[in-house]
C-alpha atoms as a PDB file:
ATOM      1  CA  MET A   1      62.340 119.575  35.655  1.00  0.00           C
ATOM      2  CA  GLU A   2      65.580 121.377  36.494  1.00  0.00           C
ATOM      3  CA  THR A   3      66.865 121.079  40.079  1.00  0.00           C
ATOM      4  CA  THR A   4      66.588 124.823  40.752  1.00  0.00           C
ATOM      5  CA  GLU A   5      63.007 124.822  39.505  1.00  0.00           C
ATOM      6  CA  LYS A   6      62.164 121.803  41.710  1.00  0.00           C
ATOM      7  CA  PHE A   7      63.666 123.571  44.699  1.00  0.00           C
ATOM      8  CA  SER A   8      61.700 126.759  44.189  1.00  0.00           C
ATOM      9  CA  THR A   9      58.481 124.805  43.566  1.00  0.00           C
ATOM     10  CA  TYR A  10      58.677 122.638  46.685  1.00  0.00           C
ATOM     11  CA  SER A  11      59.873 125.597  48.793  1.00  0.00           C
ATOM     12  CA  TYR A  12      56.906 127.622  47.612  1.00  0.00           C
ATOM     13  CA  LEU A  13      54.506 124.749  48.285  1.00  0.00           C
ATOM     14  CA  LEU A  14      55.899 124.175  51.778  1.00  0.00           C
ATOM     15  CA  ASP A  15      55.741 127.862  52.620  1.00  0.00           C
ATOM     16  CA  ARG A  16      52.247 128.311  51.170  1.00  0.00           C
ATOM     17  CA  THR A  17      50.929 125.259  53.010  1.00  0.00           C
ATOM     18  CA  ASN A  18      52.527 126.273  56.297  1.00  0.00           C
ATOM     19  CA  ARG A  19      51.019 129.758  56.057  1.00  0.00           C
ATOM     20  CA  LYS A  20      47.568 128.333  55.246  1.00  0.00           C
ATOM     21  CA  ILE A  21      47.697 125.954  58.220  1.00  0.00           C
ATOM     22  CA  LYS A  22      48.722 128.797  60.565  1.00  0.00           C
ATOM     23  CA  GLN A  23      46.037 131.117  59.165  1.00  0.00           C
ATOM     24  CA  TYR A  24      43.358 128.455  59.549  1.00  0.00           C
ATOM     25  CA  ALA A  25      44.485 127.632  63.090  1.00  0.00           C
ATOM     26  CA  GLN A  26      44.625 131.299  64.075  1.00  0.00           C
ATOM     27  CA  LYS A  27      41.118 131.838  62.695  1.00  0.00           C
ATOM     28  CA  CYS A  28      39.879 128.903  64.787  1.00  0.00           C
ATOM     29  CA  PHE A  29      41.726 130.192  67.873  1.00  0.00           C
ATOM     30  CA  LYS A  30      40.001 133.549  67.437  1.00  0.00           C
ATOM     31  CA  GLU A  31      36.579 131.932  66.948  1.00  0.00           C
ATOM     32  CA  GLN A  32      37.113 129.952  70.162  1.00  0.00           C
ATOM     33  CA  ASN A  33      38.351 133.048  72.064  1.00  0.00           C
ATOM     34  CA  PHE A  34      41.656 131.379  72.966  1.00  0.00           C
ATOM     35  CA  ASP A  35      43.451 134.749  73.309  1.00  0.00           C
ATOM     36  CA  ILE A  36      46.724 133.225  72.096  1.00  0.00           C
ATOM     37  CA  THR A  37      48.512 132.958  68.779  1.00  0.00           C
ATOM     38  CA  VAL A  38      49.628 129.793  67.028  1.00  0.00           C
ATOM     39  CA  ASP A  39      53.233 130.599  67.972  1.00  0.00           C
ATOM     40  CA  GLN A  40      52.228 130.977  71.620  1.00  0.00           C
ATOM     41  CA  TRP A  41      50.427 127.625  71.393  1.00  0.00           C
ATOM     42  CA  LEU A  42      53.632 125.978  70.145  1.00  0.00           C
ATOM     43  CA  ILE A  43      55.458 127.178  73.257  1.00  0.00           C
ATOM     44  CA  LEU A  44      52.683 125.943  75.552  1.00  0.00           C
ATOM     45  CA  LYS A  45      52.670 122.580  73.778  1.00  0.00           C
ATOM     46  CA  ALA A  46      56.443 122.212  74.102  1.00  0.00           C
ATOM     47  CA  LEU A  47      56.254 123.024  77.809  1.00  0.00           C
ATOM     48  CA  ASN A  48      53.334 120.647  78.312  1.00  0.00           C
ATOM     49  CA  GLN A  49      55.442 117.854  76.828  1.00  0.00           C
ATOM     50  CA  ASN A  50      58.507 118.760  78.873  1.00  0.00           C
ATOM     51  CA  ASN A  51      57.996 121.452  81.495  1.00  0.00           C
ATOM     52  CA  ASP A  52      60.884 123.361  83.062  1.00  0.00           C
ATOM     53  CA  GLN A  53      63.087 124.053  80.050  1.00  0.00           C
ATOM     54  CA  ASN A  54      65.607 126.823  79.673  1.00  0.00           C
ATOM     55  CA  GLN A  55      65.113 129.355  76.923  1.00  0.00           C
ATOM     56  CA  SER A  56      67.782 127.829  74.665  1.00  0.00           C
ATOM     57  CA  GLN A  57      66.169 124.390  74.855  1.00  0.00           C
ATOM     58  CA  LEU A  58      62.766 125.891  74.132  1.00  0.00           C
ATOM     59  CA  ALA A  59      64.140 127.858  71.173  1.00  0.00           C
ATOM     60  CA  GLU A  60      65.674 124.679  69.724  1.00  0.00           C
ATOM     61  CA  ILE A  61      62.538 122.575  70.153  1.00  0.00           C
ATOM     62  CA  THR A  62      60.187 125.196  68.701  1.00  0.00           C
ATOM     63  CA  GLY A  63      62.483 126.538  65.974  1.00  0.00           C
ATOM     64  CA  LYS A  64      62.161 130.092  67.281  1.00  0.00           C
ATOM     65  CA  ASP A  65      65.061 132.536  67.416  1.00  0.00           C
ATOM     66  CA  HIS A  66      65.850 133.983  70.841  1.00  0.00           C
ATOM     67  CA  PRO A  67      64.401 137.498  70.316  1.00  0.00           C
ATOM     68  CA  THR A  68      61.125 136.058  68.965  1.00  0.00           C
ATOM     69  CA  LEU A  69      60.925 133.532  71.787  1.00  0.00           C
ATOM     70  CA  THR A  70      61.563 136.258  74.366  1.00  0.00           C
ATOM     71  CA  ARG A  71      58.661 138.329  72.980  1.00  0.00           C
ATOM     72  CA  ILE A  72      56.352 135.296  72.983  1.00  0.00           C
ATOM     73  CA  LEU A  73      57.351 134.403  76.549  1.00  0.00           C
ATOM     74  CA  ASP A  74      56.788 137.992  77.714  1.00  0.00           C
ATOM     75  CA  LEU A  75      53.216 137.786  76.396  1.00  0.00           C
ATOM     76  CA  LEU A  76      52.614 134.363  77.941  1.00  0.00           C
ATOM     77  CA  VAL A  77      53.946 135.600  81.296  1.00  0.00           C
ATOM     78  CA  LYS A  78      51.544 138.598  81.151  1.00  0.00           C
ATOM     79  CA  LYS A  79      48.696 136.134  80.504  1.00  0.00           C
ATOM     80  CA  ASP A  80      49.851 134.079  83.518  1.00  0.00           C
ATOM     81  CA  LEU A  81      50.287 130.971  81.349  1.00  0.00           C
ATOM     82  CA  VAL A  82      54.033 130.570  81.941  1.00  0.00           C
ATOM     83  CA  GLU A  83      56.548 131.832  84.459  1.00  0.00           C
ATOM     84  CA  ARG A  84      60.285 132.326  84.458  1.00  0.00           C
ATOM     85  CA  LYS A  85      62.183 130.820  87.362  1.00  0.00           C
ATOM     86  CA  ALA A  86      65.800 131.654  88.128  1.00  0.00           C
ATOM     87  CA  CYS A  87      68.141 128.839  87.157  1.00  0.00           C
ATOM     88  CA  THR A  88      69.960 127.519  90.205  1.00  0.00           C
ATOM     89  CA  ASN A  89      73.331 127.009  88.488  1.00  0.00           C
ATOM     90  CA  ASP A  90      73.293 130.100  86.201  1.00  0.00           C
ATOM     91  CA  ARG A  91      71.828 133.354  87.479  1.00  0.00           C
ATOM     92  CA  ARG A  92      71.678 134.776  83.919  1.00  0.00           C
ATOM     93  CA  SER A  93      69.467 131.912  82.768  1.00  0.00           C
ATOM     94  CA  PHE A  94      65.811 131.161  83.437  1.00  0.00           C
ATOM     95  CA  ILE A  95      63.761 128.007  83.526  1.00  0.00           C
ATOM     96  CA  ILE A  96      60.430 128.389  81.735  1.00  0.00           C
ATOM     97  CA  HIS A  97      57.526 126.704  83.482  1.00  0.00           C
ATOM     98  CA  LEU A  98      53.801 126.330  82.774  1.00  0.00           C
ATOM     99  CA  THR A  99      51.673 127.874  85.509  1.00  0.00           C
ATOM    100  CA  LYS A 100      48.599 126.161  86.922  1.00  0.00           C
ATOM    101  CA  LYS A 101      46.519 128.382  84.644  1.00  0.00           C
ATOM    102  CA  GLY A 102      48.758 127.419  81.693  1.00  0.00           C
ATOM    103  CA  ILE A 103      48.230 123.730  82.402  1.00  0.00           C
ATOM    104  CA  GLN A 104      44.479 124.237  82.741  1.00  0.00           C
ATOM    105  CA  LYS A 105      44.199 126.279  79.529  1.00  0.00           C
ATOM    106  CA  PHE A 106      46.328 123.771  77.617  1.00  0.00           C
ATOM    107  CA  GLY A 107      43.917 121.026  78.678  1.00  0.00           C
ATOM    108  CA  GLU A 108      40.924 123.095  77.563  1.00  0.00           C
ATOM    109  CA  TRP A 109      42.461 124.079  74.222  1.00  0.00           C
ATOM    110  CA  TRP A 110      44.024 120.744  73.251  1.00  0.00           C
ATOM    111  CA  PRO A 111      40.815 119.097  71.899  1.00  0.00           C
ATOM    112  CA  VAL A 112      40.160 122.069  69.598  1.00  0.00           C
ATOM    113  CA  VAL A 113      43.755 122.061  68.382  1.00  0.00           C
ATOM    114  CA  ALA A 114      43.431 118.334  67.658  1.00  0.00           C
ATOM    115  CA  GLN A 115      40.346 119.070  65.517  1.00  0.00           C
ATOM    116  CA  ILE A 116      42.276 121.767  63.652  1.00  0.00           C
ATOM    117  CA  ARG A 117      45.093 119.305  62.953  1.00  0.00           C
ATOM    118  CA  ASN A 118      42.631 116.667  61.781  1.00  0.00           C
ATOM    119  CA  LYS A 119      41.113 119.150  59.335  1.00  0.00           C
ATOM    120  CA  ALA A 120      44.489 119.579  57.655  1.00  0.00           C
ATOM    121  CA  TRP A 121      44.950 115.812  57.293  1.00  0.00           C
ATOM    122  CA  GLU A 122      41.362 114.727  56.575  1.00  0.00           C
ATOM    123  CA  ASN A 123      41.902 114.042  52.851  1.00  0.00           C
ATOM    124  CA  LEU A 124      45.181 112.179  53.305  1.00  0.00           C
ATOM    125  CA  SER A 125      45.549 108.454  53.782  1.00  0.00           C
ATOM    126  CA  GLU A 126      47.824 107.006  56.438  1.00  0.00           C
ATOM    127  CA  ASP A 127      50.326 106.192  53.666  1.00  0.00           C
ATOM    128  CA  ASP A 128      50.170 109.807  52.431  1.00  0.00           C
ATOM    129  CA  TYR A 129      50.862 111.051  55.927  1.00  0.00           C
ATOM    130  CA  ASN A 130      53.762 108.630  56.447  1.00  0.00           C
ATOM    131  CA  ASP A 131      55.273 109.492  53.062  1.00  0.00           C
ATOM    132  CA  LEU A 132      55.026 113.214  53.731  1.00  0.00           C
ATOM    133  CA  LYS A 133      56.540 112.829  57.188  1.00  0.00           C
ATOM    134  CA  ARG A 134      59.405 110.740  55.814  1.00  0.00           C
ATOM    135  CA  ILE A 135      60.104 113.227  53.001  1.00  0.00           C
ATOM    136  CA  LEU A 136      60.010 116.270  55.279  1.00  0.00           C
ATOM    137  CA  ASN A 137      62.312 114.563  57.803  1.00  0.00           C
ATOM    138  CA  THR A 138      64.713 113.675  54.986  1.00  0.00           C
ATOM    139  CA  ILE A 139      64.819 117.287  53.808  1.00  0.00           C
ATOM    140  CA  TYR A 140      65.293 118.526  57.367  1.00  0.00           C
ATOM    141  CA  GLN A 141      68.138 116.080  58.044  1.00  0.00           C
ATOM    142  CA  SER A 142      69.824 116.977  54.752  1.00  0.00           C
ATOM    143  CA  LEU A 143      70.031 120.576  55.920  1.00  0.00           C
ATOM    144  CA  SER A 144      71.194 119.812  59.476  1.00  0.00           C
END
């Protein structure tokens, strides 16, 4: 197979799979009445792992551009799941912080999200998972 053809095939497969995972997760979120999107979940998860990040750090960790992240954060602030705090050393910058409600909701939603993730991996062996992870990391690092 020609290199260009390989590239378009794996790019298509990655994109198709990513869309299917997001669609499945969003369907489950709706069925569970989470009242958040998958992209909003990613922000909550990143903050749960490391609360009090500035917007640039959060954008880097989640792979979101700044305008998209700003829109997501605006929605999460309206839902009282996160708050923006003024940064002490830069008045133009904000620290993003999970609220008490955000922490509580994350704890409630996490078990369902874990089930969603398990559904995606249920037909893969541990070796399959490790191979896929290694390959995707290799591709990512090649483009960094």
